[in-house]
Amino acid sequence: MRIFLGQRAWLLQRLTALLILLFVVLGAAGLLAGATPSYVQWHAFASSSLGAVLIVLFFGALCLHAWIGIRDIVLDYVHAPGVRLPLLALIGIILCAVLLRVALTMAAHFLPGA
């Protein structure tokens, strides 16, 4: 018998929400504190190793947060197993593809000739 079934997902969703909130608050504070960054400044930040890690971390938290929320909605409201599993698989594939695309885009800045 599993005790605290669902507690891990609940905790992960709260932690990812805090991480997303931290990124949004820091980004808003940066915009409110100074001038709006230009494309060159944003590109320089995204091309730095710290910026790339932060962007991938943000999207990782966002995709995990979305997966837990969407999974709970599907499990609560889609009762047909023949529909539930393919729908969850499709959602998982889409979220993994988004995260992979972001990671590859960030990694492309560090390849020779980029």
PDB file of N, CA and C in Angstrom:
ATOM      1  N   MET A   1       0.838  -1.185   0.000  1.00  0.00           N
ATOM      2  CA  MET A   1       0.000   0.000   0.000  1.00  0.00           C
ATOM      3  C   MET A   1       0.885   1.251   0.000  1.00  0.00           C
ATOM      4  N   ARG A   2       0.577   2.173  -0.898  1.00  0.00           N
ATOM      5  CA  ARG A   2       1.358   3.402  -0.998  1.00  0.00           C
ATOM      6  C   ARG A   2       0.713   4.490  -0.153  1.00  0.00           C
ATOM      7  N   ILE A   3       1.488   5.026   0.744  1.00  0.00           N
ATOM      8  CA  ILE A   3       1.015   6.124   1.585  1.00  0.00           C
ATOM      9  C   ILE A   3       1.394   7.436   0.900  1.00  0.00           C
ATOM     10  N   PHE A   4       0.567   8.431   1.040  1.00  0.00           N
ATOM     11  CA  PHE A   4       0.791   9.758   0.468  1.00  0.00           C
ATOM     12  C   PHE A   4       0.819   9.721  -1.053  1.00  0.00           C
ATOM     13  N   LEU A   5      -0.055   8.938  -1.646  1.00  0.00           N
ATOM     14  CA  LEU A   5      -0.148   8.844  -3.095  1.00  0.00           C
ATOM     15  C   LEU A   5      -0.480  10.229  -3.659  1.00  0.00           C
ATOM     16  N   GLY A   6       0.318  10.703  -4.563  1.00  0.00           N
ATOM     17  CA  GLY A   6       0.087  12.008  -5.166  1.00  0.00           C
ATOM     18  C   GLY A   6       0.836  13.140  -4.487  1.00  0.00           C
ATOM     19  N   GLN A   7       1.447  12.866  -3.341  1.00  0.00           N
ATOM     20  CA  GLN A   7       2.150  13.924  -2.629  1.00  0.00           C
ATOM     21  C   GLN A   7       3.389  14.382  -3.397  1.00  0.00           C
ATOM     22  N   ARG A   8       4.061  13.470  -4.076  1.00  0.00           N
ATOM     23  CA  ARG A   8       5.256  13.829  -4.841  1.00  0.00           C
ATOM     24  C   ARG A   8       4.896  14.803  -5.968  1.00  0.00           C
ATOM     25  N   ALA A   9       3.809  14.500  -6.678  1.00  0.00           N
ATOM     26  CA  ALA A   9       3.380  15.391  -7.763  1.00  0.00           C
ATOM     27  C   ALA A   9       2.960  16.745  -7.208  1.00  0.00           C
ATOM     28  N   TRP A  10       2.268  16.738  -6.081  1.00  0.00           N
ATOM     29  CA  TRP A  10       1.826  17.988  -5.454  1.00  0.00           C
ATOM     30  C   TRP A  10       3.038  18.836  -5.091  1.00  0.00           C
ATOM     31  N   LEU A  11       4.036  18.208  -4.472  1.00  0.00           N
ATOM     32  CA  LEU A  11       5.227  18.937  -4.057  1.00  0.00           C
ATOM     33  C   LEU A  11       6.012  19.453  -5.268  1.00  0.00           C
ATOM     34  N   LEU A  12       6.154  18.625  -6.296  1.00  0.00           N
ATOM     35  CA  LEU A  12       6.856  19.056  -7.507  1.00  0.00           C
ATOM     36  C   LEU A  12       6.163  20.240  -8.166  1.00  0.00           C
ATOM     37  N   GLN A  13       4.837  20.208  -8.196  1.00  0.00           N
ATOM     38  CA  GLN A  13       4.121  21.313  -8.817  1.00  0.00           C
ATOM     39  C   GLN A  13       4.323  22.605  -8.025  1.00  0.00           C
ATOM     40  N   ARG A  14       4.340  22.510  -6.709  1.00  0.00           N
ATOM     41  CA  ARG A  14       4.567  23.710  -5.888  1.00  0.00           C
ATOM     42  C   ARG A  14       5.985  24.233  -6.057  1.00  0.00           C
ATOM     43  N   LEU A  15       6.955  23.330  -6.104  1.00  0.00           N
ATOM     44  CA  LEU A  15       8.343  23.761  -6.276  1.00  0.00           C
ATOM     45  C   LEU A  15       8.568  24.401  -7.650  1.00  0.00           C
ATOM     46  N   THR A  16       8.003  23.808  -8.693  1.00  0.00           N
ATOM     47  CA  THR A  16       8.155  24.409 -10.019  1.00  0.00           C
ATOM     48  C   THR A  16       7.425  25.745 -10.099  1.00  0.00           C
ATOM     49  N   ALA A  17       6.289  25.864  -9.404  1.00  0.00           N
ATOM     50  CA  ALA A  17       5.588  27.151  -9.386  1.00  0.00           C
ATOM     51  C   ALA A  17       6.444  28.222  -8.721  1.00  0.00           C
ATOM     52  N   LEU A  18       7.123  27.868  -7.639  1.00  0.00           N
ATOM     53  CA  LEU A  18       8.002  28.835  -6.974  1.00  0.00           C
ATOM     54  C   LEU A  18       9.177  29.223  -7.863  1.00  0.00           C
ATOM     55  N   LEU A  19       9.735  28.256  -8.574  1.00  0.00           N
ATOM     56  CA  LEU A  19      10.847  28.543  -9.479  1.00  0.00           C
ATOM     57  C   LEU A  19      10.405  29.455 -10.624  1.00  0.00           C
ATOM     58  N   ILE A  20       9.250  29.169 -11.204  1.00  0.00           N
ATOM     59  CA  ILE A  20       8.713  30.012 -12.274  1.00  0.00           C
ATOM     60  C   ILE A  20       8.430  31.417 -11.743  1.00  0.00           C
ATOM     61  N   LEU A  21       7.846  31.497 -10.554  1.00  0.00           N
ATOM     62  CA  LEU A  21       7.556  32.800  -9.938  1.00  0.00           C
ATOM     63  C   LEU A  21       8.838  33.581  -9.700  1.00  0.00           C
ATOM     64  N   LEU A  22       9.881  32.902  -9.244  1.00  0.00           N
ATOM     65  CA  LEU A  22      11.168  33.563  -9.019  1.00  0.00           C
ATOM     66  C   LEU A  22      11.705  34.174 -10.309  1.00  0.00           C
ATOM     67  N   PHE A  23      11.670  33.408 -11.401  1.00  0.00           N
ATOM     68  CA  PHE A  23      12.135  33.924 -12.690  1.00  0.00           C
ATOM     69  C   PHE A  23      11.293  35.116 -13.154  1.00  0.00           C
ATOM     70  N   VAL A  24       9.989  35.029 -12.999  1.00  0.00           N
ATOM     71  CA  VAL A  24       9.109  36.117 -13.441  1.00  0.00           C
ATOM     72  C   VAL A  24       9.345  37.369 -12.601  1.00  0.00           C
ATOM     73  N   VAL A  25       9.466  37.215 -11.291  1.00  0.00           N
ATOM     74  CA  VAL A  25       9.690  38.369 -10.414  1.00  0.00           C
ATOM     75  C   VAL A  25      11.044  39.013 -10.714  1.00  0.00           C
ATOM     76  N   LEU A  26      12.078  38.197 -10.870  1.00  0.00           N
ATOM     77  CA  LEU A  26      13.396  38.763 -11.179  1.00  0.00           C
ATOM     78  C   LEU A  26      13.401  39.456 -12.537  1.00  0.00           C
ATOM     79  N   GLY A  27      12.731  38.866 -13.513  1.00  0.00           N
ATOM     80  CA  GLY A  27      12.641  39.502 -14.830  1.00  0.00           C
ATOM     81  C   GLY A  27      11.869  40.812 -14.781  1.00  0.00           C
ATOM     82  N   ALA A  28      10.753  40.821 -14.057  1.00  0.00           N
ATOM     83  CA  ALA A  28       9.960  42.054 -13.931  1.00  0.00           C
ATOM     84  C   ALA A  28      10.734  43.115 -13.166  1.00  0.00           C
ATOM     85  N   ALA A  29      11.447  42.714 -12.109  1.00  0.00           N
ATOM     86  CA  ALA A  29      12.244  43.672 -11.343  1.00  0.00           C
ATOM     87  C   ALA A  29      13.351  44.271 -12.202  1.00  0.00           C
ATOM     88  N   GLY A  30      13.955  43.429 -13.035  1.00  0.00           N
ATOM     89  CA  GLY A  30      14.991  43.939 -13.936  1.00  0.00           C
ATOM     90  C   GLY A  30      14.439  44.939 -14.937  1.00  0.00           C
ATOM     91  N   LEU A  31      13.236  44.659 -15.437  1.00  0.00           N
ATOM     92  CA  LEU A  31      12.634  45.592 -16.387  1.00  0.00           C
ATOM     93  C   LEU A  31      12.209  46.890 -15.714  1.00  0.00           C
ATOM     94  N   LEU A  32      11.709  46.792 -14.486  1.00  0.00           N
ATOM     95  CA  LEU A  32      11.273  47.989 -13.772  1.00  0.00           C
ATOM     96  C   LEU A  32      12.451  48.824 -13.272  1.00  0.00           C
ATOM     97  N   ALA A  33      13.569  48.182 -12.973  1.00  0.00           N
ATOM     98  CA  ALA A  33      14.716  48.888 -12.407  1.00  0.00           C
ATOM     99  C   ALA A  33      15.525  49.645 -13.458  1.00  0.00           C
ATOM    100  N   GLY A  34      15.525  49.174 -14.667  1.00  0.00           N
ATOM    101  CA  GLY A  34      16.384  49.803 -15.667  1.00  0.00           C
ATOM    102  C   GLY A  34      15.678  49.948 -16.991  1.00  0.00           C
ATOM    103  N   ALA A  35      16.465  50.316 -17.957  1.00  0.00           N
ATOM    104  CA  ALA A  35      15.934  50.482 -19.307  1.00  0.00           C
ATOM    105  C   ALA A  35      15.613  49.120 -19.907  1.00  0.00           C
ATOM    106  N   THR A  36      14.729  49.123 -20.856  1.00  0.00           N
ATOM    107  CA  THR A  36      14.378  47.892 -21.552  1.00  0.00           C
ATOM    108  C   THR A  36      15.597  47.389 -22.312  1.00  0.00           C
ATOM    109  N   PRO A  37      15.949  46.116 -22.117  1.00  0.00           N
ATOM    110  CA  PRO A  37      17.150  45.606 -22.814  1.00  0.00           C
ATOM    111  C   PRO A  37      16.927  45.548 -24.323  1.00  0.00           C
ATOM    112  N   SER A  38      17.986  45.824 -25.045  1.00  0.00           N
ATOM    113  CA  SER A  38      17.913  45.755 -26.500  1.00  0.00           C
ATOM    114  C   SER A  38      18.078  44.306 -26.942  1.00  0.00           C
ATOM    115  N   TYR A  39      17.887  44.085 -28.219  1.00  0.00           N
ATOM    116  CA  TYR A  39      18.067  42.743 -28.767  1.00  0.00           C
ATOM    117  C   TYR A  39      19.503  42.260 -28.537  1.00  0.00           C
ATOM    118  N   VAL A  40      20.462  43.154 -28.697  1.00  0.00           N
ATOM    119  CA  VAL A  40      21.864  42.785 -28.535  1.00  0.00           C
ATOM    120  C   VAL A  40      22.135  42.353 -27.092  1.00  0.00           C
ATOM    121  N   GLN A  41      21.574  43.086 -26.120  1.00  0.00           N
ATOM    122  CA  GLN A  41      21.763  42.718 -24.711  1.00  0.00           C
ATOM    123  C   GLN A  41      21.088  41.385 -24.399  1.00  0.00           C
ATOM    124  N   TRP A  42      19.871  41.190 -24.909  1.00  0.00           N
ATOM    125  CA  TRP A  42      19.170  39.935 -24.665  1.00  0.00           C
ATOM    126  C   TRP A  42      19.929  38.775 -25.307  1.00  0.00           C
ATOM    127  N   HIS A  43      20.423  38.966 -26.523  1.00  0.00           N
ATOM    128  CA  HIS A  43      21.177  37.915 -27.207  1.00  0.00           C
ATOM    129  C   HIS A  43      22.458  37.592 -26.454  1.00  0.00           C
ATOM    130  N   ALA A  44      23.122  38.624 -25.937  1.00  0.00           N
ATOM    131  CA  ALA A  44      24.354  38.389 -25.175  1.00  0.00           C
ATOM    132  C   ALA A  44      24.051  37.586 -23.908  1.00  0.00           C
ATOM    133  N   PHE A  45      22.943  37.903 -23.236  1.00  0.00           N
ATOM    134  CA  PHE A  45      22.559  37.149 -22.038  1.00  0.00           C
ATOM    135  C   PHE A  45      22.221  35.698 -22.392  1.00  0.00           C
ATOM    136  N   ALA A  46      21.410  35.504 -23.429  1.00  0.00           N
ATOM    137  CA  ALA A  46      20.994  34.153 -23.820  1.00  0.00           C
ATOM    138  C   ALA A  46      22.162  33.343 -24.349  1.00  0.00           C
ATOM    139  N   SER A  47      23.178  33.998 -24.883  1.00  0.00           N
ATOM    140  CA  SER A  47      24.340  33.295 -25.429  1.00  0.00           C
ATOM    141  C   SER A  47      25.377  32.967 -24.363  1.00  0.00           C
ATOM    142  N   SER A  48      25.246  33.583 -23.200  1.00  0.00           N
ATOM    143  CA  SER A  48      26.197  33.269 -22.127  1.00  0.00           C
ATOM    144  C   SER A  48      25.832  31.923 -21.516  1.00  0.00           C
ATOM    145  N   SER A  49      26.808  31.282 -20.907  1.00  0.00           N
ATOM    146  CA  SER A  49      26.527  29.964 -20.329  1.00  0.00           C
ATOM    147  C   SER A  49      25.531  30.072 -19.178  1.00  0.00           C
ATOM    148  N   LEU A  50      25.624  31.106 -18.346  1.00  0.00           N
ATOM    149  CA  LEU A  50      24.659  31.286 -17.257  1.00  0.00           C
ATOM    150  C   LEU A  50      23.263  31.540 -17.807  1.00  0.00           C
ATOM    151  N   GLY A  51      23.163  32.388 -18.809  1.00  0.00           N
ATOM    152  CA  GLY A  51      21.858  32.682 -19.404  1.00  0.00           C
ATOM    153  C   GLY A  51      21.224  31.450 -20.029  1.00  0.00           C
ATOM    154  N   ALA A  52      22.033  30.662 -20.732  1.00  0.00           N
ATOM    155  CA  ALA A  52      21.507  29.442 -21.362  1.00  0.00           C
ATOM    156  C   ALA A  52      21.012  28.459 -20.316  1.00  0.00           C
ATOM    157  N   VAL A  53      21.760  28.295 -19.237  1.00  0.00           N
ATOM    158  CA  VAL A  53      21.340  27.385 -18.166  1.00  0.00           C
ATOM    159  C   VAL A  53      20.050  27.881 -17.517  1.00  0.00           C
ATOM    160  N   LEU A  54      19.953  29.175 -17.265  1.00  0.00           N
ATOM    161  CA  LEU A  54      18.742  29.725 -16.648  1.00  0.00           C
ATOM    162  C   LEU A  54      17.521  29.572 -17.556  1.00  0.00           C
ATOM    163  N   ILE A  55      17.696  29.781 -18.841  1.00  0.00           N
ATOM    164  CA  ILE A  55      16.585  29.642 -19.785  1.00  0.00           C
ATOM    165  C   ILE A  55      16.123  28.185 -19.861  1.00  0.00           C
ATOM    166  N   VAL A  56      17.067  27.250 -19.938  1.00  0.00           N
ATOM    167  CA  VAL A  56      16.700  25.829 -19.980  1.00  0.00           C
ATOM    168  C   VAL A  56      16.059  25.416 -18.665  1.00  0.00           C
ATOM    169  N   LEU A  57      16.569  25.909 -17.545  1.00  0.00           N
ATOM    170  CA  LEU A  57      15.983  25.608 -16.242  1.00  0.00           C
ATOM    171  C   LEU A  57      14.557  26.140 -16.146  1.00  0.00           C
ATOM    172  N   PHE A  58      14.335  27.361 -16.635  1.00  0.00           N
ATOM    173  CA  PHE A  58      12.988  27.939 -16.626  1.00  0.00           C
ATOM    174  C   PHE A  58      12.031  27.083 -17.454  1.00  0.00           C
ATOM    175  N   PHE A  59      12.433  26.729 -18.663  1.00  0.00           N
ATOM    176  CA  PHE A  59      11.547  25.929 -19.508  1.00  0.00           C
ATOM    177  C   PHE A  59      11.373  24.511 -18.968  1.00  0.00           C
ATOM    178  N   GLY A  60      12.396  23.970 -18.327  1.00  0.00           N
ATOM    179  CA  GLY A  60      12.255  22.664 -17.685  1.00  0.00           C
ATOM    180  C   GLY A  60      11.216  22.700 -16.580  1.00  0.00           C
ATOM    181  N   ALA A  61      11.278  23.737 -15.736  1.00  0.00           N
ATOM    182  CA  ALA A  61      10.286  23.898 -14.669  1.00  0.00           C
ATOM    183  C   ALA A  61       8.902  24.133 -15.254  1.00  0.00           C
ATOM    184  N   LEU A  62       8.834  24.918 -16.316  1.00  0.00           N
ATOM    185  CA  LEU A  62       7.543  25.201 -16.952  1.00  0.00           C
ATOM    186  C   LEU A  62       6.925  23.938 -17.544  1.00  0.00           C
ATOM    187  N   CYS A  63       7.726  23.126 -18.221  1.00  0.00           N
ATOM    188  CA  CYS A  63       7.206  21.887 -18.816  1.00  0.00           C
ATOM    189  C   CYS A  63       6.803  20.876 -17.747  1.00  0.00           C
ATOM    190  N   LEU A  64       7.581  20.752 -16.682  1.00  0.00           N
ATOM    191  CA  LEU A  64       7.220  19.832 -15.605  1.00  0.00           C
ATOM    192  C   LEU A  64       5.941  20.290 -14.910  1.00  0.00           C
ATOM    193  N   HIS A  65       5.838  21.581 -14.668  1.00  0.00           N
ATOM    194  CA  HIS A  65       4.638  22.149 -14.047  1.00  0.00           C
ATOM    195  C   HIS A  65       3.412  21.900 -14.931  1.00  0.00           C
ATOM    196  N   ALA A  66       3.579  22.123 -16.219  1.00  0.00           N
ATOM    197  CA  ALA A  66       2.469  21.905 -17.150  1.00  0.00           C
ATOM    198  C   ALA A  66       2.096  20.431 -17.213  1.00  0.00           C
ATOM    199  N   TRP A  67       3.092  19.546 -17.225  1.00  0.00           N
ATOM    200  CA  TRP A  67       2.812  18.111 -17.290  1.00  0.00           C
ATOM    201  C   TRP A  67       1.978  17.656 -16.091  1.00  0.00           C
ATOM    202  N   ILE A  68       2.362  18.077 -14.903  1.00  0.00           N
ATOM    203  CA  ILE A  68       1.636  17.646 -13.701  1.00  0.00           C
ATOM    204  C   ILE A  68       0.208  18.164 -13.742  1.00  0.00           C
ATOM    205  N   GLY A  69       0.027  19.420 -14.102  1.00  0.00           N
ATOM    206  CA  GLY A  69      -1.319  19.989 -14.157  1.00  0.00           C
ATOM    207  C   GLY A  69      -2.193  19.355 -15.218  1.00  0.00           C
ATOM    208  N   ILE A  70      -1.665  19.210 -16.420  1.00  0.00           N
ATOM    209  CA  ILE A  70      -2.445  18.625 -17.519  1.00  0.00           C
ATOM    210  C   ILE A  70      -2.732  17.153 -17.247  1.00  0.00           C
ATOM    211  N   ARG A  71      -1.738  16.445 -16.702  1.00  0.00           N
ATOM    212  CA  ARG A  71      -1.938  15.031 -16.374  1.00  0.00           C
ATOM    213  C   ARG A  71      -3.078  14.853 -15.367  1.00  0.00           C
ATOM    214  N   ASP A  72      -3.106  15.707 -14.348  1.00  0.00           N
ATOM    215  CA  ASP A  72      -4.185  15.618 -13.353  1.00  0.00           C
ATOM    216  C   ASP A  72      -5.544  15.906 -13.978  1.00  0.00           C
ATOM    217  N   ILE A  73      -5.601  16.890 -14.868  1.00  0.00           N
ATOM    218  CA  ILE A  73      -6.864  17.204 -15.541  1.00  0.00           C
ATOM    219  C   ILE A  73      -7.327  16.040 -16.398  1.00  0.00           C
ATOM    220  N   VAL A  74      -6.409  15.460 -17.168  1.00  0.00           N
ATOM    221  CA  VAL A  74      -6.767  14.324 -18.024  1.00  0.00           C
ATOM    222  C   VAL A  74      -7.216  13.139 -17.170  1.00  0.00           C
ATOM    223  N   LEU A  75      -6.496  12.842 -16.101  1.00  0.00           N
ATOM    224  CA  LEU A  75      -6.872  11.718 -15.245  1.00  0.00           C
ATOM    225  C   LEU A  75      -8.228  11.935 -14.575  1.00  0.00           C
ATOM    226  N   ASP A  76      -8.550  13.189 -14.267  1.00  0.00           N
ATOM    227  CA  ASP A  76      -9.834  13.479 -13.617  1.00  0.00           C
ATOM    228  C   ASP A  76     -11.007  13.461 -14.587  1.00  0.00           C
ATOM    229  N   TYR A  77     -10.806  13.911 -15.812  1.00  0.00           N
ATOM    230  CA  TYR A  77     -11.938  14.137 -16.701  1.00  0.00           C
ATOM    231  C   TYR A  77     -12.019  13.217 -17.916  1.00  0.00           C
ATOM    232  N   VAL A  78     -10.950  12.523 -18.251  1.00  0.00           N
ATOM    233  CA  VAL A  78     -10.981  11.592 -19.383  1.00  0.00           C
ATOM    234  C   VAL A  78     -10.993  10.185 -18.793  1.00  0.00           C
ATOM    235  N   HIS A  79     -12.136   9.512 -18.869  1.00  0.00           N
ATOM    236  CA  HIS A  79     -12.293   8.224 -18.205  1.00  0.00           C
ATOM    237  C   HIS A  79     -12.043   7.032 -19.116  1.00  0.00           C
ATOM    238  N   ALA A  80     -12.118   7.224 -20.409  1.00  0.00           N
ATOM    239  CA  ALA A  80     -11.915   6.111 -21.346  1.00  0.00           C
ATOM    240  C   ALA A  80     -10.420   5.818 -21.471  1.00  0.00           C
ATOM    241  N   PRO A  81      -9.990   4.617 -21.078  1.00  0.00           N
ATOM    242  CA  PRO A  81      -8.560   4.296 -21.157  1.00  0.00           C
ATOM    243  C   PRO A  81      -8.017   4.348 -22.584  1.00  0.00           C
ATOM    244  N   GLY A  82      -8.860   4.083 -23.564  1.00  0.00           N
ATOM    245  CA  GLY A  82      -8.425   4.122 -24.955  1.00  0.00           C
ATOM    246  C   GLY A  82      -8.128   5.532 -25.434  1.00  0.00           C
ATOM    247  N   VAL A  83      -8.636   6.518 -24.738  1.00  0.00           N
ATOM    248  CA  VAL A  83      -8.385   7.915 -25.085  1.00  0.00           C
ATOM    249  C   VAL A  83      -7.339   8.511 -24.145  1.00  0.00           C
ATOM    250  N   ARG A  84      -7.387   8.107 -22.883  1.00  0.00           N
ATOM    251  CA  ARG A  84      -6.524   8.700 -21.859  1.00  0.00           C
ATOM    252  C   ARG A  84      -5.044   8.468 -22.161  1.00  0.00           C
ATOM    253  N   LEU A  85      -4.649   7.244 -22.424  1.00  0.00           N
ATOM    254  CA  LEU A  85      -3.234   6.939 -22.639  1.00  0.00           C
ATOM    255  C   LEU A  85      -2.667   7.637 -23.883  1.00  0.00           C
ATOM    256  N   PRO A  86      -3.349   7.571 -25.040  1.00  0.00           N
ATOM    257  CA  PRO A  86      -2.795   8.302 -26.196  1.00  0.00           C
ATOM    258  C   PRO A  86      -2.736   9.813 -25.971  1.00  0.00           C
ATOM    259  N   LEU A  87      -3.728  10.353 -25.263  1.00  0.00           N
ATOM    260  CA  LEU A  87      -3.728  11.789 -24.987  1.00  0.00           C
ATOM    261  C   LEU A  87      -2.560  12.169 -24.081  1.00  0.00           C
ATOM    262  N   LEU A  88      -2.330  11.385 -23.036  1.00  0.00           N
ATOM    263  CA  LEU A  88      -1.196  11.646 -22.154  1.00  0.00           C
ATOM    264  C   LEU A  88       0.132  11.491 -22.899  1.00  0.00           C
ATOM    265  N   ALA A  89       0.207  10.496 -23.764  1.00  0.00           N
ATOM    266  CA  ALA A  89       1.428  10.301 -24.547  1.00  0.00           C
ATOM    267  C   ALA A  89       1.678  11.491 -25.469  1.00  0.00           C
ATOM    268  N   LEU A  90       0.642  11.972 -26.125  1.00  0.00           N
ATOM    269  CA  LEU A  90       0.775  13.122 -27.024  1.00  0.00           C
ATOM    270  C   LEU A  90       1.224  14.365 -26.254  1.00  0.00           C
ATOM    271  N   ILE A  91       0.612  14.603 -25.124  1.00  0.00           N
ATOM    272  CA  ILE A  91       0.986  15.765 -24.303  1.00  0.00           C
ATOM    273  C   ILE A  91       2.430  15.643 -23.840  1.00  0.00           C
ATOM    274  N   GLY A  92       2.827  14.446 -23.395  1.00  0.00           N
ATOM    275  CA  GLY A  92       4.203  14.230 -22.957  1.00  0.00           C
ATOM    276  C   GLY A  92       5.204  14.439 -24.078  1.00  0.00           C
ATOM    277  N   ILE A  93       4.869  13.955 -25.262  1.00  0.00           N
ATOM    278  CA  ILE A  93       5.763  14.124 -26.416  1.00  0.00           C
ATOM    279  C   ILE A  93       5.899  15.604 -26.773  1.00  0.00           C
ATOM    280  N   ILE A  94       4.805  16.335 -26.751  1.00  0.00           N
ATOM    281  CA  ILE A  94       4.848  17.765 -27.075  1.00  0.00           C
ATOM    282  C   ILE A  94       5.698  18.526 -26.062  1.00  0.00           C
ATOM    283  N   LEU A  95       5.503  18.255 -24.774  1.00  0.00           N
ATOM    284  CA  LEU A  95       6.267  18.963 -23.745  1.00  0.00           C
ATOM    285  C   LEU A  95       7.753  18.600 -23.813  1.00  0.00           C
ATOM    286  N   CYS A  96       8.058  17.334 -24.062  1.00  0.00           N
ATOM    287  CA  CYS A  96       9.462  16.930 -24.214  1.00  0.00           C
ATOM    288  C   CYS A  96      10.081  17.581 -25.449  1.00  0.00           C
ATOM    289  N   ALA A  97       9.313  17.688 -26.529  1.00  0.00           N
ATOM    290  CA  ALA A  97       9.813  18.319 -27.750  1.00  0.00           C
ATOM    291  C   ALA A  97      10.100  19.803 -27.517  1.00  0.00           C
ATOM    292  N   VAL A  98       9.233  20.474 -26.780  1.00  0.00           N
ATOM    293  CA  VAL A  98       9.465  21.887 -26.470  1.00  0.00           C
ATOM    294  C   VAL A  98      10.759  22.049 -25.677  1.00  0.00           C
ATOM    295  N   LEU A  99      10.922  21.229 -24.648  1.00  0.00           N
ATOM    296  CA  LEU A  99      12.123  21.327 -23.822  1.00  0.00           C
ATOM    297  C   LEU A  99      13.376  20.973 -24.618  1.00  0.00           C
ATOM    298  N   LEU A 100      13.298  19.953 -25.441  1.00  0.00           N
ATOM    299  CA  LEU A 100      14.437  19.571 -26.273  1.00  0.00           C
ATOM    300  C   LEU A 100      14.802  20.683 -27.251  1.00  0.00           C
ATOM    301  N   ARG A 101      13.785  21.304 -27.845  1.00  0.00           N
ATOM    302  CA  ARG A 101      14.022  22.406 -28.790  1.00  0.00           C
ATOM    303  C   ARG A 101      14.721  23.580 -28.099  1.00  0.00           C
ATOM    304  N   VAL A 102      14.278  23.922 -26.899  1.00  0.00           N
ATOM    305  CA  VAL A 102      14.907  25.015 -26.149  1.00  0.00           C
ATOM    306  C   VAL A 102      16.349  24.649 -25.808  1.00  0.00           C
ATOM    307  N   ALA A 103      16.570  23.431 -25.334  1.00  0.00           N
ATOM    308  CA  ALA A 103      17.924  23.009 -24.968  1.00  0.00           C
ATOM    309  C   ALA A 103      18.846  23.002 -26.180  1.00  0.00           C
ATOM    310  N   LEU A 104      18.365  22.516 -27.310  1.00  0.00           N
ATOM    311  CA  LEU A 104      19.196  22.498 -28.518  1.00  0.00           C
ATOM    312  C   LEU A 104      19.469  23.901 -29.042  1.00  0.00           C
ATOM    313  N   THR A 105      18.493  24.773 -28.931  1.00  0.00           N
ATOM    314  CA  THR A 105      18.691  26.167 -29.356  1.00  0.00           C
ATOM    315  C   THR A 105      19.740  26.849 -28.490  1.00  0.00           C
ATOM    316  N   MET A 106      19.666  26.616 -27.192  1.00  0.00           N
ATOM    317  CA  MET A 106      20.658  27.214 -26.299  1.00  0.00           C
ATOM    318  C   MET A 106      22.037  26.602 -26.530  1.00  0.00           C
ATOM    319  N   ALA A 107      22.100  25.297 -26.777  1.00  0.00           N
ATOM    320  CA  ALA A 107      23.376  24.634 -27.010  1.00  0.00           C
ATOM    321  C   ALA A 107      24.005  25.056 -28.332  1.00  0.00           C
ATOM    322  N   ALA A 108      23.177  25.433 -29.292  1.00  0.00           N
ATOM    323  CA  ALA A 108      23.689  25.829 -30.602  1.00  0.00           C
ATOM    324  C   ALA A 108      24.574  27.070 -30.514  1.00  0.00           C
ATOM    325  N   HIS A 109      24.383  27.892 -29.489  1.00  0.00           N
ATOM    326  CA  HIS A 109      25.223  29.096 -29.332  1.00  0.00           C
ATOM    327  C   HIS A 109      26.656  28.737 -28.963  1.00  0.00           C
ATOM    328  N   PHE A 110      26.874  27.534 -28.474  1.00  0.00           N
ATOM    329  CA  PHE A 110      28.194  27.164 -28.013  1.00  0.00           C
ATOM    330  C   PHE A 110      28.936  26.262 -28.999  1.00  0.00           C
ATOM    331  N   LEU A 111      28.288  25.948 -30.128  1.00  0.00           N
ATOM    332  CA  LEU A 111      28.944  25.149 -31.154  1.00  0.00           C
ATOM    333  C   LEU A 111      29.904  26.023 -31.957  1.00  0.00           C
ATOM    334  N   PRO A 112      30.983  25.452 -32.458  1.00  0.00           N
ATOM    335  CA  PRO A 112      31.909  26.243 -33.284  1.00  0.00           C
ATOM    336  C   PRO A 112      31.194  26.791 -34.532  1.00  0.00           C
ATOM    337  N   GLY A 113      31.422  28.049 -34.801  1.00  0.00           N
ATOM    338  CA  GLY A 113      30.828  28.682 -35.968  1.00  0.00           C
ATOM    339  C   GLY A 113      29.451  29.270 -35.708  1.00  0.00           C
ATOM    340  N   ALA A 114      28.995  29.183 -34.482  1.00  0.00           N
ATOM    341  CA  ALA A 114      27.656  29.709 -34.175  1.00  0.00           C
ATOM    342  C   ALA A 114      27.705  31.173 -33.842  1.00  0.00           C
TER     343      ALA A 114
END
